[in-house]
Amino acid sequence: MRVVKEAETRRNEILDAAEELFGQKGFDGTSTGDILGRVGIARGTLYYHFKSKEDIMDALIERTNATILHAAQQIAEDKSIPVIERILRAVMALNISSGESSSTEIMEHIHKPQNALMHQKIQKAVIRSVPPILAPIISEGIEQGIFNTPYPYECMEIVVVYATTIFDNDMVEMTEEERMSRILAFIANVERLLGAAGGSLMSVMQMFGSSSGAKENHGDE
């Protein structure tokens, strides 16, 4: 007996299978036939939902963005977490590249030269979506006397634009030493931008996977 499923359920089944296969075999190494076999559907059913494998990748990116933005929003709204720790956790939740192999494959696909427009779309979405998530935390920090700025939203916009540009390997090539220098300068300037005490945001080094370096550089202070 043929099983007929709701369109949204079937669409998500295709995306789930594609995400798993992209993580295992890579985007280029995965065929639409592989996806069909994994889901157990006819080719016509797949093309009813998606025009191509690239269309599937686009939908996966949209779904991943929605998921991580929702996770960051939940953290941002949890007032039981101290302000600075909450900023750190929210930013880490937004770091798609720290996810599983499927997320890594998605990011590698985005960063290919032929996908420059897709990359631009994602950066635009991040710049539009992230400051509204982080700005209320800054406002809360202002109320608590941790920060001192009349522009919480604009500060977060500046931070997001810089971080998504300078720390994007496709935009700015850096050695590990140059990257560490940029991170230290970034944190110091964010502290000034927010009117925070010097060194109070150093814990954000963890978001770049460099907490050990921070401890080594600042352990004697």
C-alpha atoms as a PDB file:
ATOM      1  CA  MET A   1       0.000   0.000   0.000  1.00  0.00           C
ATOM      2  CA  ARG A   2       1.448   3.358  -1.048  1.00  0.00           C
ATOM      3  CA  VAL A   3       2.085   5.709   1.848  1.00  0.00           C
ATOM      4  CA  VAL A   4       1.024   9.322   1.226  1.00  0.00           C
ATOM      5  CA  LYS A   5       2.569  11.815   3.614  1.00  0.00           C
ATOM      6  CA  GLU A   6       1.923  15.458   4.309  1.00  0.00           C
ATOM      7  CA  ALA A   7       4.071  17.696   2.112  1.00  0.00           C
ATOM      8  CA  GLU A   8       5.958  19.288   5.034  1.00  0.00           C
ATOM      9  CA  THR A   9       6.708  15.895   6.587  1.00  0.00           C
ATOM     10  CA  ARG A  10       8.014  14.528   3.295  1.00  0.00           C
ATOM     11  CA  ARG A  11      10.058  17.682   2.658  1.00  0.00           C
ATOM     12  CA  ASN A  12      11.737  17.371   6.044  1.00  0.00           C
ATOM     13  CA  GLU A  13      12.450  13.687   5.445  1.00  0.00           C
ATOM     14  CA  ILE A  14      14.283  14.628   2.246  1.00  0.00           C
ATOM     15  CA  LEU A  15      16.234  17.358   4.046  1.00  0.00           C
ATOM     16  CA  ASP A  16      17.131  15.027   6.932  1.00  0.00           C
ATOM     17  CA  ALA A  17      18.427  12.396   4.518  1.00  0.00           C
ATOM     18  CA  ALA A  18      20.365  14.945   2.480  1.00  0.00           C
ATOM     19  CA  GLU A  19      21.930  16.481   5.583  1.00  0.00           C
ATOM     20  CA  GLU A  20      23.099  13.081   6.776  1.00  0.00           C
ATOM     21  CA  LEU A  21      24.470  12.138   3.345  1.00  0.00           C
ATOM     22  CA  PHE A  22      26.222  15.486   2.851  1.00  0.00           C
ATOM     23  CA  GLY A  23      27.915  14.940   6.191  1.00  0.00           C
ATOM     24  CA  GLN A  24      28.994  11.405   5.270  1.00  0.00           C
ATOM     25  CA  LYS A  25      29.879  11.758   1.580  1.00  0.00           C
ATOM     26  CA  GLY A  26      30.164  15.489   0.986  1.00  0.00           C
ATOM     27  CA  PHE A  27      27.896  17.610  -1.212  1.00  0.00           C
ATOM     28  CA  ASP A  28      29.671  16.733  -4.475  1.00  0.00           C
ATOM     29  CA  GLY A  29      29.867  13.056  -3.497  1.00  0.00           C
ATOM     30  CA  THR A  30      26.139  12.776  -2.869  1.00  0.00           C
ATOM     31  CA  SER A  31      23.792  12.190  -5.806  1.00  0.00           C
ATOM     32  CA  THR A  32      20.062  12.759  -5.953  1.00  0.00           C
ATOM     33  CA  GLY A  33      19.870   8.975  -6.389  1.00  0.00           C
ATOM     34  CA  ASP A  34      21.521   8.553  -2.988  1.00  0.00           C
ATOM     35  CA  ILE A  35      18.902  10.818  -1.429  1.00  0.00           C
ATOM     36  CA  LEU A  36      16.078   8.975  -3.202  1.00  0.00           C
ATOM     37  CA  GLY A  37      17.383   5.649  -1.931  1.00  0.00           C
ATOM     38  CA  ARG A  38      17.748   6.898   1.622  1.00  0.00           C
ATOM     39  CA  VAL A  39      14.204   8.307   1.768  1.00  0.00           C
ATOM     40  CA  GLY A  40      12.621   5.591  -0.389  1.00  0.00           C
ATOM     41  CA  ILE A  41      10.762   7.848  -2.796  1.00  0.00           C
ATOM     42  CA  ALA A  42      10.407   8.271  -6.546  1.00  0.00           C
ATOM     43  CA  ARG A  43      12.386  10.925  -8.421  1.00  0.00           C
ATOM     44  CA  GLY A  44       9.202  12.782  -9.258  1.00  0.00           C
ATOM     45  CA  THR A  45       8.395  13.131  -5.557  1.00  0.00           C
ATOM     46  CA  LEU A  46      11.796  14.692  -4.871  1.00  0.00           C
ATOM     47  CA  TYR A  47      11.439  17.142  -7.759  1.00  0.00           C
ATOM     48  CA  TYR A  48       7.973  18.071  -6.534  1.00  0.00           C
ATOM     49  CA  HIS A  49       9.620  19.486  -3.405  1.00  0.00           C
ATOM     50  CA  PHE A  50      13.036  20.567  -4.754  1.00  0.00           C
ATOM     51  CA  LYS A  51      14.247  21.559  -8.201  1.00  0.00           C
ATOM     52  CA  SER A  52      17.792  20.260  -7.739  1.00  0.00           C
ATOM     53  CA  LYS A  53      20.432  19.137  -5.260  1.00  0.00           C
ATOM     54  CA  GLU A  54      21.497  22.793  -4.962  1.00  0.00           C
ATOM     55  CA  ASP A  55      17.916  23.690  -4.045  1.00  0.00           C
ATOM     56  CA  ILE A  56      18.064  21.086  -1.290  1.00  0.00           C
ATOM     57  CA  MET A  57      21.272  22.653   0.023  1.00  0.00           C
ATOM     58  CA  ASP A  58      19.638  26.105   0.011  1.00  0.00           C
ATOM     59  CA  ALA A  59      16.714  24.741   2.033  1.00  0.00           C
ATOM     60  CA  LEU A  60      19.109  23.064   4.465  1.00  0.00           C
ATOM     61  CA  ILE A  61      20.916  26.365   4.977  1.00  0.00           C
ATOM     62  CA  GLU A  62      17.611  28.127   5.676  1.00  0.00           C
ATOM     63  CA  ARG A  63      16.574  25.413   8.123  1.00  0.00           C
ATOM     64  CA  THR A  64      19.954  25.460   9.866  1.00  0.00           C
ATOM     65  CA  ASN A  65      19.867  29.245  10.184  1.00  0.00           C
ATOM     66  CA  ALA A  66      16.373  29.124  11.685  1.00  0.00           C
ATOM     67  CA  THR A  67      17.449  26.453  14.167  1.00  0.00           C
ATOM     68  CA  ILE A  68      20.567  28.240  15.417  1.00  0.00           C
ATOM     69  CA  LEU A  69      18.826  31.619  15.602  1.00  0.00           C
ATOM     70  CA  HIS A  70      16.076  30.037  17.687  1.00  0.00           C
ATOM     71  CA  ALA A  71      18.685  28.450  19.984  1.00  0.00           C
ATOM     72  CA  ALA A  72      20.473  31.787  20.399  1.00  0.00           C
ATOM     73  CA  GLN A  73      17.158  33.535  21.087  1.00  0.00           C
ATOM     74  CA  GLN A  74      16.290  31.062  23.837  1.00  0.00           C
ATOM     75  CA  ILE A  75      19.658  31.644  25.503  1.00  0.00           C
ATOM     76  CA  ALA A  76      19.354  35.417  25.149  1.00  0.00           C
ATOM     77  CA  GLU A  77      15.996  35.348  26.929  1.00  0.00           C
ATOM     78  CA  ASP A  78      17.215  33.203  29.843  1.00  0.00           C
ATOM     79  CA  LYS A  79      17.785  35.820  32.529  1.00  0.00           C
ATOM     80  CA  SER A  80      19.008  33.193  34.997  1.00  0.00           C
ATOM     81  CA  ILE A  81      22.318  33.272  33.072  1.00  0.00           C
ATOM     82  CA  PRO A  82      24.652  36.204  33.910  1.00  0.00           C
ATOM     83  CA  VAL A  83      24.822  38.865  31.181  1.00  0.00           C
ATOM     84  CA  ILE A  84      28.385  38.313  29.924  1.00  0.00           C
ATOM     85  CA  GLU A  85      28.040  34.533  30.020  1.00  0.00           C
ATOM     86  CA  ARG A  86      24.741  34.843  28.154  1.00  0.00           C
ATOM     87  CA  ILE A  87      26.365  36.872  25.368  1.00  0.00           C
ATOM     88  CA  LEU A  88      29.064  34.215  25.053  1.00  0.00           C
ATOM     89  CA  ARG A  89      26.570  31.357  24.936  1.00  0.00           C
ATOM     90  CA  ALA A  90      24.316  33.142  22.448  1.00  0.00           C
ATOM     91  CA  VAL A  91      27.238  33.855  20.111  1.00  0.00           C
ATOM     92  CA  MET A  92      28.489  30.273  20.400  1.00  0.00           C
ATOM     93  CA  ALA A  93      24.994  29.024  19.527  1.00  0.00           C
ATOM     94  CA  LEU A  94      25.252  31.079  16.332  1.00  0.00           C
ATOM     95  CA  ASN A  95      28.544  29.456  15.321  1.00  0.00           C
ATOM     96  CA  ILE A  96      27.334  26.979  12.685  1.00  0.00           C
ATOM     97  CA  SER A  97      30.876  25.877  11.813  1.00  0.00           C
ATOM     98  CA  SER A  98      31.322  24.355  15.272  1.00  0.00           C
ATOM     99  CA  GLY A  99      28.518  21.877  14.608  1.00  0.00           C
ATOM    100  CA  GLU A 100      28.598  18.332  13.263  1.00  0.00           C
ATOM    101  CA  SER A 101      30.101  17.233   9.978  1.00  0.00           C
ATOM    102  CA  SER A 102      26.910  17.967   8.044  1.00  0.00           C
ATOM    103  CA  SER A 103      27.062  21.610   9.158  1.00  0.00           C
ATOM    104  CA  THR A 104      30.705  21.724   8.151  1.00  0.00           C
ATOM    105  CA  GLU A 105      29.783  20.423   4.699  1.00  0.00           C
ATOM    106  CA  ILE A 106      27.097  23.106   4.412  1.00  0.00           C
ATOM    107  CA  MET A 107      29.647  25.807   5.273  1.00  0.00           C
ATOM    108  CA  GLU A 108      32.194  24.431   2.794  1.00  0.00           C
ATOM    109  CA  HIS A 109      29.535  24.500   0.082  1.00  0.00           C
ATOM    110  CA  ILE A 110      28.611  28.088   0.914  1.00  0.00           C
ATOM    111  CA  HIS A 111      32.238  29.214   0.717  1.00  0.00           C
ATOM    112  CA  LYS A 112      32.859  27.910  -2.791  1.00  0.00           C
ATOM    113  CA  PRO A 113      33.467  30.741  -5.314  1.00  0.00           C
ATOM    114  CA  GLN A 114      30.441  29.739  -7.389  1.00  0.00           C
ATOM    115  CA  ASN A 115      28.256  30.180  -4.305  1.00  0.00           C
ATOM    116  CA  ALA A 116      29.271  33.784  -3.582  1.00  0.00           C
ATOM    117  CA  LEU A 117      25.665  34.978  -3.861  1.00  0.00           C
ATOM    118  CA  MET A 118      24.523  32.355  -1.347  1.00  0.00           C
ATOM    119  CA  HIS A 119      27.320  33.405   0.985  1.00  0.00           C
ATOM    120  CA  GLN A 120      26.229  37.030   0.656  1.00  0.00           C
ATOM    121  CA  LYS A 121      22.608  36.106   1.397  1.00  0.00           C
ATOM    122  CA  ILE A 122      23.606  34.314   4.579  1.00  0.00           C
ATOM    123  CA  GLN A 123      25.762  37.205   5.768  1.00  0.00           C
ATOM    124  CA  LYS A 124      22.869  39.573   5.087  1.00  0.00           C
ATOM    125  CA  ALA A 125      20.524  37.358   7.100  1.00  0.00           C
ATOM    126  CA  VAL A 126      22.999  37.205   9.990  1.00  0.00           C
ATOM    127  CA  ILE A 127      23.470  40.994  10.047  1.00  0.00           C
ATOM    128  CA  ARG A 128      19.701  41.454  10.006  1.00  0.00           C
ATOM    129  CA  SER A 129      18.823  38.751  12.544  1.00  0.00           C
ATOM    130  CA  VAL A 130      21.608  38.673  15.136  1.00  0.00           C
ATOM    131  CA  PRO A 131      21.698  42.263  16.542  1.00  0.00           C
ATOM    132  CA  PRO A 132      18.024  42.070  17.652  1.00  0.00           C
ATOM    133  CA  ILE A 133      18.914  38.909  19.604  1.00  0.00           C
ATOM    134  CA  LEU A 134      22.001  40.359  21.314  1.00  0.00           C
ATOM    135  CA  ALA A 135      20.914  43.990  21.860  1.00  0.00           C
ATOM    136  CA  PRO A 136      18.445  43.208  24.700  1.00  0.00           C
ATOM    137  CA  ILE A 137      21.287  41.488  26.613  1.00  0.00           C
ATOM    138  CA  ILE A 138      23.368  44.649  26.244  1.00  0.00           C
ATOM    139  CA  SER A 139      20.425  46.737  27.474  1.00  0.00           C
ATOM    140  CA  GLU A 140      20.148  44.463  30.492  1.00  0.00           C
ATOM    141  CA  GLY A 141      23.881  44.863  31.093  1.00  0.00           C
ATOM    142  CA  ILE A 142      23.450  48.644  30.966  1.00  0.00           C
ATOM    143  CA  GLU A 143      20.752  48.424  33.649  1.00  0.00           C
ATOM    144  CA  GLN A 144      23.121  46.358  35.805  1.00  0.00           C
ATOM    145  CA  GLY A 145      25.993  48.813  35.343  1.00  0.00           C
ATOM    146  CA  ILE A 146      28.113  46.315  33.367  1.00  0.00           C
ATOM    147  CA  PHE A 147      27.939  48.313  30.127  1.00  0.00           C
ATOM    148  CA  ASN A 148      27.612  52.000  29.378  1.00  0.00           C
ATOM    149  CA  THR A 149      26.433  52.891  25.884  1.00  0.00           C
ATOM    150  CA  PRO A 150      23.373  54.728  24.506  1.00  0.00           C
ATOM    151  CA  TYR A 151      23.456  52.523  21.382  1.00  0.00           C
ATOM    152  CA  PRO A 152      23.037  48.823  22.330  1.00  0.00           C
ATOM    153  CA  TYR A 153      21.558  47.784  18.952  1.00  0.00           C
ATOM    154  CA  GLU A 154      24.061  49.738  16.867  1.00  0.00           C
ATOM    155  CA  CYS A 155      26.942  48.362  18.933  1.00  0.00           C
ATOM    156  CA  MET A 156      25.834  44.814  18.223  1.00  0.00           C
ATOM    157  CA  GLU A 157      25.416  45.626  14.538  1.00  0.00           C
ATOM    158  CA  ILE A 158      29.010  46.911  14.395  1.00  0.00           C
ATOM    159  CA  VAL A 159      30.242  43.811  16.217  1.00  0.00           C
ATOM    160  CA  VAL A 160      28.361  41.402  13.945  1.00  0.00           C
ATOM    161  CA  VAL A 161      29.453  43.130  10.726  1.00  0.00           C
ATOM    162  CA  TYR A 162      33.110  43.120  11.776  1.00  0.00           C
ATOM    163  CA  ALA A 163      33.075  39.553  13.097  1.00  0.00           C
ATOM    164  CA  THR A 164      31.323  38.074  10.051  1.00  0.00           C
ATOM    165  CA  THR A 165      33.760  39.844   7.724  1.00  0.00           C
ATOM    166  CA  ILE A 166      37.173  39.765   9.381  1.00  0.00           C
ATOM    167  CA  PHE A 167      36.834  36.289  10.867  1.00  0.00           C
ATOM    168  CA  ASP A 168      35.572  34.814   7.616  1.00  0.00           C
ATOM    169  CA  ASN A 169      38.556  33.014   6.076  1.00  0.00           C
ATOM    170  CA  ASP A 170      37.255  33.692   2.574  1.00  0.00           C
ATOM    171  CA  MET A 171      37.242  37.446   3.165  1.00  0.00           C
ATOM    172  CA  VAL A 172      40.503  37.916   5.078  1.00  0.00           C
ATOM    173  CA  GLU A 173      43.341  35.387   4.997  1.00  0.00           C
ATOM    174  CA  MET A 174      45.307  35.275   8.248  1.00  0.00           C
ATOM    175  CA  THR A 175      47.955  33.212   9.934  1.00  0.00           C
ATOM    176  CA  GLU A 176      47.037  31.806  13.345  1.00  0.00           C
ATOM    177  CA  GLU A 177      49.194  34.484  14.975  1.00  0.00           C
ATOM    178  CA  GLU A 178      47.433  37.246  13.018  1.00  0.00           C
ATOM    179  CA  ARG A 179      44.069  35.759  13.892  1.00  0.00           C
ATOM    180  CA  MET A 180      44.910  35.746  17.608  1.00  0.00           C
ATOM    181  CA  SER A 181      46.022  39.373  17.388  1.00  0.00           C
ATOM    182  CA  ARG A 182      42.753  40.313  15.663  1.00  0.00           C
ATOM    183  CA  ILE A 183      40.741  38.492  18.323  1.00  0.00           C
ATOM    184  CA  LEU A 184      42.495  40.292  21.171  1.00  0.00           C
ATOM    185  CA  ALA A 185      42.043  43.647  19.443  1.00  0.00           C
ATOM    186  CA  PHE A 186      38.415  42.815  18.680  1.00  0.00           C
ATOM    187  CA  ILE A 187      37.629  42.029  22.316  1.00  0.00           C
ATOM    188  CA  ALA A 188      39.457  45.114  23.607  1.00  0.00           C
ATOM    189  CA  ASN A 189      37.564  47.350  21.209  1.00  0.00           C
ATOM    190  CA  VAL A 190      34.202  45.724  21.955  1.00  0.00           C
ATOM    191  CA  GLU A 191      34.832  46.442  25.643  1.00  0.00           C
ATOM    192  CA  ARG A 192      35.432  50.107  24.799  1.00  0.00           C
ATOM    193  CA  LEU A 193      32.442  50.195  22.469  1.00  0.00           C
ATOM    194  CA  LEU A 194      30.156  48.891  25.202  1.00  0.00           C
ATOM    195  CA  GLY A 195      31.771  50.919  27.974  1.00  0.00           C
ATOM    196  CA  ALA A 196      32.687  47.681  29.787  1.00  0.00           C
ATOM    197  CA  ALA A 197      35.528  47.193  32.261  1.00  0.00           C
ATOM    198  CA  GLY A 198      38.804  46.226  30.622  1.00  0.00           C
ATOM    199  CA  GLY A 199      39.214  42.447  30.485  1.00  0.00           C
ATOM    200  CA  SER A 200      35.570  41.750  31.375  1.00  0.00           C
ATOM    201  CA  LEU A 201      34.815  40.220  27.981  1.00  0.00           C
ATOM    202  CA  MET A 202      37.972  38.144  27.649  1.00  0.00           C
ATOM    203  CA  SER A 203      35.912  34.983  28.158  1.00  0.00           C
ATOM    204  CA  VAL A 204      34.610  35.432  24.599  1.00  0.00           C
ATOM    205  CA  MET A 205      37.955  33.991  23.481  1.00  0.00           C
ATOM    206  CA  GLN A 206      36.245  30.635  23.970  1.00  0.00           C
ATOM    207  CA  MET A 207      33.944  31.260  21.016  1.00  0.00           C
ATOM    208  CA  PHE A 208      37.005  31.147  18.751  1.00  0.00           C
ATOM    209  CA  GLY A 209      38.352  27.992  20.390  1.00  0.00           C
ATOM    210  CA  SER A 210      41.264  29.955  21.837  1.00  0.00           C
ATOM    211  CA  SER A 211      40.581  29.952  25.551  1.00  0.00           C
ATOM    212  CA  SER A 212      43.873  28.203  26.292  1.00  0.00           C
ATOM    213  CA  GLY A 213      45.755  30.900  24.431  1.00  0.00           C
ATOM    214  CA  ALA A 214      43.943  33.565  26.401  1.00  0.00           C
ATOM    215  CA  LYS A 215      44.892  31.897  29.671  1.00  0.00           C
ATOM    216  CA  GLU A 216      48.496  31.630  28.608  1.00  0.00           C
ATOM    217  CA  ASN A 217      48.617  35.296  27.555  1.00  0.00           C
ATOM    218  CA  HIS A 218      46.747  36.634  30.575  1.00  0.00           C
ATOM    219  CA  GLY A 219      47.361  34.091  33.287  1.00  0.00           C
ATOM    220  CA  ASP A 220      49.919  36.269  35.065  1.00  0.00           C
ATOM    221  CA  GLU A 221      47.778  39.411  35.183  1.00  0.00           C
END
